[in-house]
């Protein structure tokens, strides 16, 4: 169980560090990635209206 928790915390830490480095070096890239991700989520979660 503790190995799983270490893996989860390590994954979250590495993801946050990568995000911060990319955001500081190229904020436009992060904004484009956020927009595309939000569009994909909206499409996946949208209710199909007939």
PDB file of N, CA and C in Angstrom:
ATOM      1  N   UNK A   1       0.832  -1.200   0.000  1.00  0.00           N
ATOM      2  CA  UNK A   1       0.000   0.000   0.000  1.00  0.00           C
ATOM      3  C   UNK A   1       0.867   1.251   0.000  1.00  0.00           C
ATOM      4  N   UNK A   2       1.957   1.220   0.762  1.00  0.00           N
ATOM      5  CA  UNK A   2       2.802   2.415   0.824  1.00  0.00           C
ATOM      6  C   UNK A   2       3.526   2.645  -0.497  1.00  0.00           C
ATOM      7  N   UNK A   3       3.830   1.571  -1.233  1.00  0.00           N
ATOM      8  CA  UNK A   3       4.466   1.736  -2.543  1.00  0.00           C
ATOM      9  C   UNK A   3       3.515   2.422  -3.515  1.00  0.00           C
ATOM     10  N   UNK A   4       2.244   2.099  -3.416  1.00  0.00           N
ATOM     11  CA  UNK A   4       1.246   2.739  -4.273  1.00  0.00           C
ATOM     12  C   UNK A   4       1.149   4.222  -3.945  1.00  0.00           C
ATOM     13  N   UNK A   5       1.121   4.554  -2.664  1.00  0.00           N
ATOM     14  CA  UNK A   5       1.023   5.957  -2.256  1.00  0.00           C
ATOM     15  C   UNK A   5       2.252   6.748  -2.692  1.00  0.00           C
ATOM     16  N   UNK A   6       3.426   6.139  -2.583  1.00  0.00           N
ATOM     17  CA  UNK A   6       4.652   6.815  -3.030  1.00  0.00           C
ATOM     18  C   UNK A   6       4.569   7.075  -4.526  1.00  0.00           C
ATOM     19  N   UNK A   7       4.091   6.102  -5.287  1.00  0.00           N
ATOM     20  CA  UNK A   7       3.938   6.275  -6.729  1.00  0.00           C
ATOM     21  C   UNK A   7       2.957   7.373  -7.082  1.00  0.00           C
ATOM     22  N   UNK A   8       1.842   7.424  -6.358  1.00  0.00           N
ATOM     23  CA  UNK A   8       0.837   8.461  -6.609  1.00  0.00           C
ATOM     24  C   UNK A   8       1.406   9.838  -6.302  1.00  0.00           C
ATOM     25  N   UNK A   9       2.033   9.996  -5.149  1.00  0.00           N
ATOM     26  CA  UNK A   9       2.598  11.297  -4.790  1.00  0.00           C
ATOM     27  C   UNK A   9       3.714  11.699  -5.736  1.00  0.00           C
ATOM     28  N   UNK A  10       4.532  10.750  -6.152  1.00  0.00           N
ATOM     29  CA  UNK A  10       5.605  11.042  -7.096  1.00  0.00           C
ATOM     30  C   UNK A  10       5.033  11.475  -8.443  1.00  0.00           C
ATOM     31  N   UNK A  11       3.988  10.806  -8.895  1.00  0.00           N
ATOM     32  CA  UNK A  11       3.342  11.183 -10.151  1.00  0.00           C
ATOM     33  C   UNK A  11       2.750  12.577 -10.098  1.00  0.00           C
ATOM     34  N   UNK A  12       2.094  12.900  -9.000  1.00  0.00           N
ATOM     35  CA  UNK A  12       1.512  14.238  -8.842  1.00  0.00           C
ATOM     36  C   UNK A  12       2.610  15.291  -8.795  1.00  0.00           C
ATOM     37  N   UNK A  13       3.676  15.019  -8.068  1.00  0.00           N
ATOM     38  CA  UNK A  13       4.776  15.973  -7.954  1.00  0.00           C
ATOM     39  C   UNK A  13       5.442  16.213  -9.302  1.00  0.00           C
ATOM     40  N   UNK A  14       5.731  15.151 -10.039  1.00  0.00           N
ATOM     41  CA  UNK A  14       6.382  15.292 -11.347  1.00  0.00           C
ATOM     42  C   UNK A  14       5.467  16.029 -12.320  1.00  0.00           C
ATOM     43  N   UNK A  15       4.180  15.733 -12.292  1.00  0.00           N
ATOM     44  CA  UNK A  15       3.234  16.425 -13.171  1.00  0.00           C
ATOM     45  C   UNK A  15       3.169  17.910 -12.852  1.00  0.00           C
ATOM     46  N   UNK A  16       3.111  18.261 -11.580  1.00  0.00           N
ATOM     47  CA  UNK A  16       3.057  19.669 -11.184  1.00  0.00           C
ATOM     48  C   UNK A  16       4.345  20.393 -11.551  1.00  0.00           C
ATOM     49  N   UNK A  17       5.474  19.738 -11.366  1.00  0.00           N
ATOM     50  CA  UNK A  17       6.756  20.341 -11.722  1.00  0.00           C
ATOM     51  C   UNK A  17       6.853  20.570 -13.229  1.00  0.00           C
ATOM     52  N   UNK A  18       6.434  19.589 -14.013  1.00  0.00           N
ATOM     53  CA  UNK A  18       6.445  19.733 -15.471  1.00  0.00           C
ATOM     54  C   UNK A  18       5.535  20.872 -15.903  1.00  0.00           C
ATOM     55  N   UNK A  19       4.349  20.955 -15.310  1.00  0.00           N
ATOM     56  CA  UNK A  19       3.410  22.026 -15.639  1.00  0.00           C
ATOM     57  C   UNK A  19       4.027  23.391 -15.347  1.00  0.00           C
ATOM     58  N   UNK A  20       4.631  23.548 -14.192  1.00  0.00           N
ATOM     59  CA  UNK A  20       5.223  24.838 -13.820  1.00  0.00           C
ATOM     60  C   UNK A  20       6.368  25.220 -14.747  1.00  0.00           C
ATOM     61  N   UNK A  21       7.220  24.269 -15.081  1.00  0.00           N
ATOM     62  CA  UNK A  21       8.340  24.570 -15.981  1.00  0.00           C
ATOM     63  C   UNK A  21       7.819  24.978 -17.352  1.00  0.00           C
ATOM     64  N   UNK A  22       6.853  24.236 -17.880  1.00  0.00           N
ATOM     65  CA  UNK A  22       6.296  24.592 -19.188  1.00  0.00           C
ATOM     66  C   UNK A  22       5.563  25.922 -19.135  1.00  0.00           C
ATOM     67  N   UNK A  23       4.816  26.164 -18.058  1.00  0.00           N
ATOM     68  CA  UNK A  23       4.043  27.402 -17.965  1.00  0.00           C
ATOM     69  C   UNK A  23       4.955  28.620 -17.891  1.00  0.00           C
ATOM     70  N   UNK A  24       6.056  28.502 -17.183  1.00  0.00           N
ATOM     71  CA  UNK A  24       6.975  29.640 -17.071  1.00  0.00           C
ATOM     72  C   UNK A  24       7.738  29.876 -18.362  1.00  0.00           C
ATOM     73  N   UNK A  25       8.014  28.823 -19.122  1.00  0.00           N
ATOM     74  CA  UNK A  25       8.782  28.994 -20.353  1.00  0.00           C
ATOM     75  C   UNK A  25       7.891  29.332 -21.540  1.00  0.00           C
ATOM     76  N   UNK A  26       6.657  28.821 -21.569  1.00  0.00           N
ATOM     77  CA  UNK A  26       5.780  29.061 -22.714  1.00  0.00           C
ATOM     78  C   UNK A  26       4.318  29.023 -22.268  1.00  0.00           C
ATOM     79  N   UNK A  27       3.808  30.134 -21.718  1.00  0.00           N
ATOM     80  CA  UNK A  27       2.430  30.133 -21.215  1.00  0.00           C
ATOM     81  C   UNK A  27       1.377  29.954 -22.312  1.00  0.00           C
ATOM     82  N   UNK A  28       1.691  30.382 -23.548  1.00  0.00           N
ATOM     83  CA  UNK A  28       0.718  30.229 -24.630  1.00  0.00           C
ATOM     84  C   UNK A  28       0.463  28.752 -24.931  1.00  0.00           C
ATOM     85  N   UNK A  29       1.515  27.948 -24.855  1.00  0.00           N
ATOM     86  CA  UNK A  29       1.375  26.514 -25.102  1.00  0.00           C
ATOM     87  C   UNK A  29       0.447  25.885 -24.066  1.00  0.00           C
ATOM     88  N   UNK A  30       0.624  26.239 -22.817  1.00  0.00           N
ATOM     89  CA  UNK A  30      -0.220  25.691 -21.752  1.00  0.00           C
ATOM     90  C   UNK A  30      -1.669  26.128 -21.946  1.00  0.00           C
ATOM     91  N   UNK A  31      -1.889  27.384 -22.340  1.00  0.00           N
ATOM     92  CA  UNK A  31      -3.248  27.859 -22.573  1.00  0.00           C
ATOM     93  C   UNK A  31      -3.913  27.087 -23.708  1.00  0.00           C
ATOM     94  N   UNK A  32      -3.162  26.807 -24.778  1.00  0.00           N
ATOM     95  CA  UNK A  32      -3.718  26.027 -25.886  1.00  0.00           C
ATOM     96  C   UNK A  32      -4.049  24.605 -25.445  1.00  0.00           C
ATOM     97  N   UNK A  33      -3.174  24.010 -24.651  1.00  0.00           N
ATOM     98  CA  UNK A  33      -3.426  22.651 -24.159  1.00  0.00           C
ATOM     99  C   UNK A  33      -4.660  22.637 -23.259  1.00  0.00           C
ATOM    100  N   UNK A  34      -4.788  23.648 -22.392  1.00  0.00           N
ATOM    101  CA  UNK A  34      -5.964  23.736 -21.516  1.00  0.00           C
ATOM    102  C   UNK A  34      -7.241  23.859 -22.334  1.00  0.00           C
ATOM    103  N   UNK A  35      -7.223  24.731 -23.348  1.00  0.00           N
ATOM    104  CA  UNK A  35      -8.416  24.933 -24.170  1.00  0.00           C
ATOM    105  C   UNK A  35      -8.813  23.655 -24.903  1.00  0.00           C
ATOM    106  N   UNK A  36      -7.842  22.960 -25.484  1.00  0.00           N
ATOM    107  CA  UNK A  36      -8.148  21.718 -26.190  1.00  0.00           C
ATOM    108  C   UNK A  36      -8.676  20.658 -25.231  1.00  0.00           C
ATOM    109  N   UNK A  37      -8.092  20.586 -24.046  1.00  0.00           N
ATOM    110  CA  UNK A  37      -8.545  19.611 -23.058  1.00  0.00           C
ATOM    111  C   UNK A  37      -9.973  19.910 -22.619  1.00  0.00           C
ATOM    112  N   UNK A  38     -10.267  21.178 -22.393  1.00  0.00           N
ATOM    113  CA  UNK A  38     -11.621  21.550 -21.987  1.00  0.00           C
ATOM    114  C   UNK A  38     -12.626  21.256 -23.095  1.00  0.00           C
ATOM    115  N   UNK A  39     -12.256  21.495 -24.356  1.00  0.00           N
ATOM    116  CA  UNK A  39     -13.149  21.186 -25.472  1.00  0.00           C
ATOM    117  C   UNK A  39     -13.427  19.685 -25.544  1.00  0.00           C
ATOM    118  N   UNK A  40     -12.386  18.875 -25.364  1.00  0.00           N
ATOM    119  CA  UNK A  40     -12.563  17.419 -25.402  1.00  0.00           C
ATOM    120  C   UNK A  40     -13.460  16.956 -24.259  1.00  0.00           C
ATOM    121  N   UNK A  41     -13.250  17.515 -23.058  1.00  0.00           N
ATOM    122  CA  UNK A  41     -14.093  17.140 -21.925  1.00  0.00           C
ATOM    123  C   UNK A  41     -15.536  17.560 -22.149  1.00  0.00           C
ATOM    124  N   UNK A  42     -15.740  18.744 -22.716  1.00  0.00           N
ATOM    125  CA  UNK A  42     -17.096  19.191 -23.003  1.00  0.00           C
ATOM    126  C   UNK A  42     -17.783  18.250 -23.986  1.00  0.00           C
ATOM    127  N   UNK A  43     -17.037  17.809 -25.002  1.00  0.00           N
ATOM    128  CA  UNK A  43     -17.611  16.878 -25.976  1.00  0.00           C
ATOM    129  C   UNK A  43     -17.940  15.535 -25.325  1.00  0.00           C
ATOM    130  N   UNK A  44     -17.063  15.061 -24.465  1.00  0.00           N
ATOM    131  CA  UNK A  44     -17.293  13.767 -23.826  1.00  0.00           C
ATOM    132  C   UNK A  44     -18.434  13.810 -22.822  1.00  0.00           C
ATOM    133  N   UNK A  45     -18.571  14.923 -22.117  1.00  0.00           N
ATOM    134  CA  UNK A  45     -19.571  15.016 -21.058  1.00  0.00           C
ATOM    135  C   UNK A  45     -20.889  15.625 -21.512  1.00  0.00           C
ATOM    136  N   UNK A  46     -20.942  16.084 -22.757  1.00  0.00           N
ATOM    137  CA  UNK A  46     -22.157  16.726 -23.260  1.00  0.00           C
ATOM    138  C   UNK A  46     -23.255  15.684 -23.444  1.00  0.00           C
ATOM    139  N   UNK A  47     -24.453  16.114 -23.148  1.00  0.00           N
ATOM    140  CA  UNK A  47     -25.613  15.258 -23.358  1.00  0.00           C
ATOM    141  C   UNK A  47     -26.058  15.446 -24.801  1.00  0.00           C
ATOM    142  N   UNK A  48     -26.214  14.341 -25.494  1.00  0.00           N
ATOM    143  CA  UNK A  48     -26.654  14.419 -26.889  1.00  0.00           C
ATOM    144  C   UNK A  48     -28.126  14.783 -26.930  1.00  0.00           C
ATOM    145  N   UNK A  49     -28.405  15.927 -27.513  1.00  0.00           N
ATOM    146  CA  UNK A  49     -29.793  16.374 -27.616  1.00  0.00           C
ATOM    147  C   UNK A  49     -30.339  15.949 -28.967  1.00  0.00           C
ATOM    148  N   UNK A  50     -31.559  15.446 -28.942  1.00  0.00           N
ATOM    149  CA  UNK A  50     -32.185  14.977 -30.185  1.00  0.00           C
ATOM    150  C   UNK A  50     -33.047  16.050 -30.756  1.00  0.00           C
TER     151      UNK A  50
END
